[in-house]
């Protein structure tokens, strides 16, 4: 299997474990298993947060690169 896919699956597995732990900690043992919709919502929120952070990092890196290139491009 592709190592990238394996790593992605491992990451999702960690998020799933954390979702169950967080929901059970907040609402009581077994609540996550009884409410898979909460697990799905937690995973979705985690994915959105991760995407936003990746976008922020990419934007910052792009801006830094453009600022470094500015003298070359515009004199």
C-alpha atoms as a PDB file:
ATOM      1  CA  UNK A   1       0.000   0.000   0.000  1.00  0.00           C
ATOM      2  CA  UNK A   2       1.084   3.561  -0.704  1.00  0.00           C
ATOM      3  CA  UNK A   3       2.830   4.979   2.425  1.00  0.00           C
ATOM      4  CA  UNK A   4       0.932   8.264   2.031  1.00  0.00           C
ATOM      5  CA  UNK A   5      -2.399   6.446   2.156  1.00  0.00           C
ATOM      6  CA  UNK A   6      -1.261   4.448   5.173  1.00  0.00           C
ATOM      7  CA  UNK A   7      -0.227   7.617   6.970  1.00  0.00           C
ATOM      8  CA  UNK A   8      -3.540   9.282   6.150  1.00  0.00           C
ATOM      9  CA  UNK A   9      -5.483   6.282   7.436  1.00  0.00           C
ATOM     10  CA  UNK A  10      -3.407   6.276  10.630  1.00  0.00           C
ATOM     11  CA  UNK A  11      -4.113   9.978  11.134  1.00  0.00           C
ATOM     12  CA  UNK A  12      -7.853   9.468  10.704  1.00  0.00           C
ATOM     13  CA  UNK A  13      -7.690   6.558  13.143  1.00  0.00           C
ATOM     14  CA  UNK A  14      -6.076   8.831  15.735  1.00  0.00           C
ATOM     15  CA  UNK A  15      -8.797  11.455  15.156  1.00  0.00           C
ATOM     16  CA  UNK A  16     -11.462   8.773  15.559  1.00  0.00           C
ATOM     17  CA  UNK A  17      -9.958   7.591  18.851  1.00  0.00           C
ATOM     18  CA  UNK A  18      -9.765  11.167  20.095  1.00  0.00           C
ATOM     19  CA  UNK A  19     -13.355  11.834  19.054  1.00  0.00           C
ATOM     20  CA  UNK A  20     -14.634   8.852  21.025  1.00  0.00           C
ATOM     21  CA  UNK A  21     -12.514   9.782  24.050  1.00  0.00           C
ATOM     22  CA  UNK A  22     -13.615  13.427  23.997  1.00  0.00           C
ATOM     23  CA  UNK A  23     -17.318  12.623  23.586  1.00  0.00           C
ATOM     24  CA  UNK A  24     -17.271   9.967  26.305  1.00  0.00           C
ATOM     25  CA  UNK A  25     -15.324  12.254  28.634  1.00  0.00           C
ATOM     26  CA  UNK A  26     -17.879  15.012  28.180  1.00  0.00           C
ATOM     27  CA  UNK A  27     -21.133  13.020  28.079  1.00  0.00           C
ATOM     28  CA  UNK A  28     -20.288   9.754  29.826  1.00  0.00           C
ATOM     29  CA  UNK A  29     -18.847   6.362  28.940  1.00  0.00           C
ATOM     30  CA  UNK A  30     -20.481   4.777  25.913  1.00  0.00           C
ATOM     31  CA  UNK A  31     -22.140   7.971  24.676  1.00  0.00           C
ATOM     32  CA  UNK A  32     -19.989   8.098  21.528  1.00  0.00           C
ATOM     33  CA  UNK A  33     -20.885   4.538  20.548  1.00  0.00           C
ATOM     34  CA  UNK A  34     -24.559   5.327  21.057  1.00  0.00           C
ATOM     35  CA  UNK A  35     -24.332   8.543  19.011  1.00  0.00           C
ATOM     36  CA  UNK A  36     -22.194   7.992  15.905  1.00  0.00           C
ATOM     37  CA  UNK A  37     -23.535  11.287  14.530  1.00  0.00           C
ATOM     38  CA  UNK A  38     -21.482  13.090  17.182  1.00  0.00           C
ATOM     39  CA  UNK A  39     -18.385  11.182  16.093  1.00  0.00           C
ATOM     40  CA  UNK A  40     -19.037  12.174  12.484  1.00  0.00           C
ATOM     41  CA  UNK A  41     -19.509  15.824  13.456  1.00  0.00           C
ATOM     42  CA  UNK A  42     -16.300  15.774  15.509  1.00  0.00           C
ATOM     43  CA  UNK A  43     -14.345  14.263  12.610  1.00  0.00           C
ATOM     44  CA  UNK A  44     -15.809  16.787  10.187  1.00  0.00           C
ATOM     45  CA  UNK A  45     -14.878  19.684  12.474  1.00  0.00           C
ATOM     46  CA  UNK A  46     -11.358  18.262  12.830  1.00  0.00           C
ATOM     47  CA  UNK A  47     -10.988  17.998   9.056  1.00  0.00           C
ATOM     48  CA  UNK A  48     -12.193  21.567   8.544  1.00  0.00           C
ATOM     49  CA  UNK A  49      -9.828  22.881  11.207  1.00  0.00           C
ATOM     50  CA  UNK A  50      -6.938  20.979   9.654  1.00  0.00           C
ATOM     51  CA  UNK A  51      -7.729  22.350   6.182  1.00  0.00           C
ATOM     52  CA  UNK A  52      -7.968  25.913   7.485  1.00  0.00           C
ATOM     53  CA  UNK A  53      -4.608  25.581   9.228  1.00  0.00           C
ATOM     54  CA  UNK A  54      -2.988  24.119   6.103  1.00  0.00           C
ATOM     55  CA  UNK A  55      -4.370  27.028   4.072  1.00  0.00           C
ATOM     56  CA  UNK A  56      -3.051  29.525   6.595  1.00  0.00           C
ATOM     57  CA  UNK A  57       0.422  27.991   6.456  1.00  0.00           C
ATOM     58  CA  UNK A  58       0.433  27.887   2.651  1.00  0.00           C
ATOM     59  CA  UNK A  59      -0.723  31.498   2.471  1.00  0.00           C
ATOM     60  CA  UNK A  60       1.960  32.653   4.899  1.00  0.00           C
ATOM     61  CA  UNK A  61       4.664  30.766   3.010  1.00  0.00           C
ATOM     62  CA  UNK A  62       3.469  32.168  -0.322  1.00  0.00           C
ATOM     63  CA  UNK A  63       3.465  35.711   1.048  1.00  0.00           C
ATOM     64  CA  UNK A  64       6.959  35.300   2.475  1.00  0.00           C
ATOM     65  CA  UNK A  65       8.233  33.992  -0.869  1.00  0.00           C
ATOM     66  CA  UNK A  66       6.638  36.855  -2.780  1.00  0.00           C
ATOM     67  CA  UNK A  67       8.173  39.391  -0.433  1.00  0.00           C
ATOM     68  CA  UNK A  68      11.599  37.819  -0.988  1.00  0.00           C
ATOM     69  CA  UNK A  69      11.101  37.905  -4.761  1.00  0.00           C
ATOM     70  CA  UNK A  70       9.701  41.431  -4.839  1.00  0.00           C
ATOM     71  CA  UNK A  71      13.072  43.174  -5.352  1.00  0.00           C
ATOM     72  CA  UNK A  72      13.919  40.847  -8.246  1.00  0.00           C
ATOM     73  CA  UNK A  73      10.522  41.258  -9.874  1.00  0.00           C
ATOM     74  CA  UNK A  74      10.000  44.977  -9.398  1.00  0.00           C
ATOM     75  CA  UNK A  75      13.513  46.323  -8.965  1.00  0.00           C
END
